[in-house]
Amino acid sequence: MWTRSGGTFDIARREEIVDELNAQRLDPAFWNDSEKAREVEKKLAAEQDWVDAWRAVKRRVDDLETLMLLAQEEGEDLSGEIEAE
C-alpha cells in the first residue's frame, strides 16, 4: 500500500535515521563533542516528531477506512461518524 518516495514522505528512511541517531547516542564518546551532540539531539527530535506525526495520521486514515468498510458492509449511513473523524 505505502511505497517509498525516496524523499520527504519516505517513512522507512526516516525511521532508519531515528535508529542511526539513537545508535550514535549510545557511543560513550558521544558527549565529548558537545556541539555535535546538540546537533544530533536536535535532528533526532525533529525526525522523531515527524515519524510520530506520520504514525498519528496513518492511524486516523486506518480508522476512517475501517469506518467506511463497516458502513459499506452494513449498508448504513455512517457519514456523521466519518466526518467527525
C-alpha atoms as a PDB file:
ATOM      1  CA  MET A   1       0.000   0.000   0.000  1.00  0.00           C
ATOM      2  CA  TRP A   2       2.650   2.565   1.030  1.00  0.00           C
ATOM      3  CA  THR A   3       5.637   2.946  -1.254  1.00  0.00           C
ATOM      4  CA  ARG A   4       8.976   4.602  -0.781  1.00  0.00           C
ATOM      5  CA  SER A   5       9.085   8.026  -2.371  1.00  0.00           C
ATOM      6  CA  GLY A   6      12.775   8.498  -1.671  1.00  0.00           C
ATOM      7  CA  GLY A   7      12.111  11.884  -0.160  1.00  0.00           C
ATOM      8  CA  THR A   8      10.178  13.755   2.461  1.00  0.00           C
ATOM      9  CA  PHE A   9       7.486  11.095   2.842  1.00  0.00           C
ATOM     10  CA  ASP A  10       9.853   8.110   2.970  1.00  0.00           C
ATOM     11  CA  ILE A  11       8.808   6.884   6.410  1.00  0.00           C
ATOM     12  CA  ALA A  12      11.097   3.852   6.300  1.00  0.00           C
ATOM     13  CA  ARG A  13      14.123   6.064   5.699  1.00  0.00           C
ATOM     14  CA  ARG A  14      13.090   8.468   8.463  1.00  0.00           C
ATOM     15  CA  GLU A  15      12.762   5.550  10.879  1.00  0.00           C
ATOM     16  CA  GLU A  16      16.256   4.409   9.839  1.00  0.00           C
ATOM     17  CA  ILE A  17      17.580   7.909  10.554  1.00  0.00           C
ATOM     18  CA  VAL A  18      15.993   7.832  14.026  1.00  0.00           C
ATOM     19  CA  ASP A  19      17.621   4.440  14.672  1.00  0.00           C
ATOM     20  CA  GLU A  20      21.008   5.685  13.409  1.00  0.00           C
ATOM     21  CA  LEU A  21      20.868   8.806  15.559  1.00  0.00           C
ATOM     22  CA  ASN A  22      19.854   6.784  18.603  1.00  0.00           C
ATOM     23  CA  ALA A  23      22.794   4.456  17.961  1.00  0.00           C
ATOM     24  CA  GLN A  24      25.155   7.453  17.912  1.00  0.00           C
ATOM     25  CA  ARG A  25      23.856   8.457  21.340  1.00  0.00           C
ATOM     26  CA  LEU A  26      24.948   5.081  22.746  1.00  0.00           C
ATOM     27  CA  ASP A  27      28.597   5.761  21.923  1.00  0.00           C
ATOM     28  CA  PRO A  28      30.429   6.513  25.188  1.00  0.00           C
ATOM     29  CA  ALA A  29      32.240   9.391  23.448  1.00  0.00           C
ATOM     30  CA  PHE A  30      29.006  10.979  22.206  1.00  0.00           C
ATOM     31  CA  TRP A  31      29.111  13.950  24.594  1.00  0.00           C
ATOM     32  CA  ASN A  32      32.837  14.629  24.103  1.00  0.00           C
ATOM     33  CA  ASP A  33      31.897  16.994  21.265  1.00  0.00           C
ATOM     34  CA  SER A  34      29.003  18.902  22.825  1.00  0.00           C
ATOM     35  CA  GLU A  35      28.250  20.923  19.681  1.00  0.00           C
ATOM     36  CA  LYS A  36      27.932  17.798  17.540  1.00  0.00           C
ATOM     37  CA  ALA A  37      25.889  16.110  20.284  1.00  0.00           C
ATOM     38  CA  ARG A  38      23.460  19.052  20.327  1.00  0.00           C
ATOM     39  CA  GLU A  39      23.114  18.855  16.530  1.00  0.00           C
ATOM     40  CA  VAL A  40      22.384  15.130  16.719  1.00  0.00           C
ATOM     41  CA  GLU A  41      19.854  15.668  19.522  1.00  0.00           C
ATOM     42  CA  LYS A  42      18.130  18.422  17.535  1.00  0.00           C
ATOM     43  CA  LYS A  43      17.954  16.313  14.382  1.00  0.00           C
ATOM     44  CA  LEU A  44      16.768  13.288  16.365  1.00  0.00           C
ATOM     45  CA  ALA A  45      13.961  15.314  17.961  1.00  0.00           C
ATOM     46  CA  ALA A  46      12.841  16.675  14.578  1.00  0.00           C
ATOM     47  CA  GLU A  47      12.889  13.258  12.903  1.00  0.00           C
ATOM     48  CA  GLN A  48      11.103  11.595  15.829  1.00  0.00           C
ATOM     49  CA  ASP A  49       8.431  14.322  15.838  1.00  0.00           C
ATOM     50  CA  TRP A  50       7.888  13.778  12.103  1.00  0.00           C
ATOM     51  CA  VAL A  51       7.651   9.989  12.481  1.00  0.00           C
ATOM     52  CA  ASP A  52       5.239  10.330  15.420  1.00  0.00           C
ATOM     53  CA  ALA A  53       3.030  12.750  13.482  1.00  0.00           C
ATOM     54  CA  TRP A  54       3.018  10.459  10.435  1.00  0.00           C
ATOM     55  CA  ARG A  55       2.017   7.483  12.585  1.00  0.00           C
ATOM     56  CA  ALA A  56      -0.835   9.502  14.139  1.00  0.00           C
ATOM     57  CA  VAL A  57      -2.125  10.486  10.701  1.00  0.00           C
ATOM     58  CA  LYS A  58      -1.829   6.899   9.481  1.00  0.00           C
ATOM     59  CA  ARG A  59      -3.858   5.667  12.477  1.00  0.00           C
ATOM     60  CA  ARG A  60      -6.584   8.192  11.625  1.00  0.00           C
ATOM     61  CA  VAL A  61      -6.616   7.085   7.999  1.00  0.00           C
ATOM     62  CA  ASP A  62      -6.824   3.439   9.070  1.00  0.00           C
ATOM     63  CA  ASP A  63      -9.725   4.273  11.395  1.00  0.00           C
ATOM     64  CA  LEU A  64     -11.574   6.079   8.609  1.00  0.00           C
ATOM     65  CA  GLU A  65     -11.015   3.202   6.203  1.00  0.00           C
ATOM     66  CA  THR A  66     -12.430   0.807   8.799  1.00  0.00           C
ATOM     67  CA  LEU A  67     -15.495   3.003   9.344  1.00  0.00           C
ATOM     68  CA  MET A  68     -16.095   3.240   5.609  1.00  0.00           C
ATOM     69  CA  LEU A  69     -15.765  -0.540   5.221  1.00  0.00           C
ATOM     70  CA  LEU A  70     -18.198  -1.155   8.075  1.00  0.00           C
ATOM     71  CA  ALA A  71     -20.650   1.296   6.569  1.00  0.00           C
ATOM     72  CA  GLN A  72     -20.481  -0.465   3.209  1.00  0.00           C
ATOM     73  CA  GLU A  73     -20.879  -3.915   4.756  1.00  0.00           C
ATOM     74  CA  GLU A  74     -23.811  -2.887   6.932  1.00  0.00           C
ATOM     75  CA  GLY A  75     -25.390  -0.646   4.341  1.00  0.00           C
ATOM     76  CA  GLU A  76     -25.561   2.055   6.973  1.00  0.00           C
ATOM     77  CA  ASP A  77     -25.005   5.767   6.677  1.00  0.00           C
ATOM     78  CA  LEU A  78     -22.025   6.481   8.910  1.00  0.00           C
ATOM     79  CA  SER A  79     -21.219   9.783   7.263  1.00  0.00           C
ATOM     80  CA  GLY A  80     -21.668  11.590  10.600  1.00  0.00           C
ATOM     81  CA  GLU A  81     -19.057   9.422  12.306  1.00  0.00           C
ATOM     82  CA  ILE A  82     -16.727   9.641   9.318  1.00  0.00           C
ATOM     83  CA  GLU A  83     -16.994  13.436   9.193  1.00  0.00           C
ATOM     84  CA  ALA A  84     -16.365  13.597  12.937  1.00  0.00           C
ATOM     85  CA  GLU A  85     -13.053  11.834  12.439  1.00  0.00           C
END
